[in-house]
């Protein structure tokens, strides 16, 4: 089960994920988040992974799809509050990582 909470503030789309991001629920990222990014030409996105319990390859691919959508808009993407448990899995994404949403805001530096 995955809960996706999206909030747009000061030019940045914050996407907070809660639960498990696996093959069964990665459609939520691909079908909800990516179209919002493309439709509204969002340039800056922060994934908050504080309450993300686990992620598999399909989940990582859905985050990569989002990264590609942001790149299409010539923007920046950042992960924040990544647990030590997930940090190793996230390395292949090659995304900026911040300690919290405020640090991510500063890292994106609009």
Protein backbone atom coordinates (compact mmCIF):
# COMPACT_ATOMS: atom_id res chain seq x y z
CA UNK A 1 0.00 0.00 0.00
CA UNK A 2 1.33 3.42 -0.96
CA UNK A 3 -0.04 6.83 -0.06
CA UNK A 4 1.03 9.75 -2.27
CA UNK A 5 0.59 13.27 -0.93
CA UNK A 6 1.34 16.12 -3.35
CA UNK A 7 1.68 19.78 -2.44
CA UNK A 8 2.75 22.63 -4.71
CA UNK A 9 4.40 25.52 -2.90
CA UNK A 10 6.73 28.33 -4.00
CA UNK A 11 7.33 26.77 -7.43
CA UNK A 12 8.17 23.31 -6.08
CA UNK A 13 6.04 20.17 -6.16
CA UNK A 14 6.53 18.24 -2.92
CA UNK A 15 5.63 14.55 -3.20
CA UNK A 16 5.50 12.71 0.13
CA UNK A 17 5.44 8.92 -0.09
CA UNK A 18 4.15 6.70 2.71
CA UNK A 19 4.23 2.91 2.64
CA UNK A 20 5.88 0.55 0.15
CA UNK A 21 6.73 1.54 -3.43
CA UNK A 22 6.78 -1.71 -5.38
CA UNK A 23 5.61 -3.17 -8.67
CA UNK A 24 1.98 -3.32 -7.53
CA UNK A 25 1.70 0.39 -6.74
CA UNK A 26 4.32 2.14 -8.87
CA UNK A 27 1.49 3.04 -11.27
CA UNK A 28 0.56 5.73 -8.73
CA UNK A 29 3.79 7.56 -9.54
CA UNK A 30 3.62 6.87 -13.28
CA UNK A 31 -0.09 7.69 -13.68
CA UNK A 32 -0.53 10.53 -11.16
CA UNK A 33 2.74 12.34 -10.50
CA UNK A 34 4.37 12.23 -13.96
CA UNK A 35 1.27 13.55 -15.81
CA UNK A 36 0.95 16.42 -13.29
CA UNK A 37 4.60 17.32 -13.89
CA UNK A 38 4.19 17.26 -17.67
CA UNK A 39 0.77 18.96 -17.84
CA UNK A 40 1.69 21.85 -15.55
CA UNK A 41 5.31 22.07 -16.76
CA UNK A 42 6.63 21.70 -13.21
CA UNK A 43 10.38 22.30 -13.08
CA UNK A 44 11.19 21.52 -9.45
CA UNK A 45 10.21 18.43 -7.50
CA UNK A 46 11.12 17.09 -4.07
CA UNK A 47 10.36 13.51 -3.06
CA UNK A 48 10.07 13.21 0.73
CA UNK A 49 10.78 9.57 1.61
CA UNK A 50 10.54 9.87 5.40
CA UNK A 51 7.67 7.38 5.64
CA UNK A 52 8.69 5.15 2.74
CA UNK A 53 9.21 1.68 4.18
CA UNK A 54 10.67 -0.11 1.16
CA UNK A 55 11.19 0.17 -2.59
CA UNK A 56 11.89 -2.37 -5.32
CA UNK A 57 13.29 -2.08 -8.87
CA UNK A 58 9.91 -1.09 -10.31
CA UNK A 59 9.62 1.64 -7.70
CA UNK A 60 13.08 2.92 -8.56
CA UNK A 61 12.11 2.94 -12.24
CA UNK A 62 9.01 5.01 -11.48
CA UNK A 63 11.20 7.58 -9.69
CA UNK A 64 13.47 7.61 -12.75
CA UNK A 65 10.44 8.26 -14.97
CA UNK A 66 9.66 11.28 -12.83
CA UNK A 67 13.27 12.45 -13.13
CA UNK A 68 12.98 12.23 -16.93
CA UNK A 69 9.76 14.27 -16.86
CA UNK A 70 11.45 16.97 -14.76
CA UNK A 71 14.43 16.99 -17.15
CA UNK A 72 12.00 17.47 -20.05
CA UNK A 73 10.97 20.71 -18.31
CA UNK A 74 14.65 21.62 -17.74
CA UNK A 75 14.17 21.39 -13.99
CA UNK A 76 15.70 19.81 -10.91
CA UNK A 77 14.66 16.94 -8.67
CA UNK A 78 15.73 16.09 -5.15
CA UNK A 79 15.13 13.34 -2.61
CA UNK A 80 14.91 14.14 1.08
CA UNK A 81 14.68 12.29 4.38
CA UNK A 82 16.02 9.07 2.86
CA UNK A 83 16.54 6.42 5.53
CA UNK A 84 19.89 4.66 5.80
CA UNK A 85 18.07 1.46 4.86
CA UNK A 86 16.95 2.94 1.50
CA UNK A 87 19.99 5.11 0.80
CA UNK A 88 21.99 2.28 -0.81
CA UNK A 89 19.11 1.36 -3.13
CA UNK A 90 18.71 5.00 -4.16
CA UNK A 91 22.33 5.47 -5.28
CA UNK A 92 21.68 4.26 -8.82
CA UNK A 93 19.10 7.04 -9.31
CA UNK A 94 21.87 9.65 -9.15
CA UNK A 95 19.60 12.27 -7.63
CA UNK A 96 20.46 14.97 -5.17
CA UNK A 97 19.72 13.99 -1.58
CA UNK A 98 18.91 16.45 1.20
CA UNK A 99 18.32 15.95 4.89
CA UNK A 100 14.84 17.56 4.90
CA UNK A 101 12.46 19.62 2.76
CA UNK A 102 14.01 22.95 3.73
CA UNK A 103 17.48 21.70 2.78
CA UNK A 104 16.02 20.37 -0.49
CA UNK A 105 14.50 23.80 -1.19
CA UNK A 106 17.91 25.38 -0.70
CA UNK A 107 19.62 22.68 -2.79
CA UNK A 108 17.24 23.25 -5.71
CA UNK A 109 17.91 26.99 -5.34
CA UNK A 110 15.21 28.50 -7.55
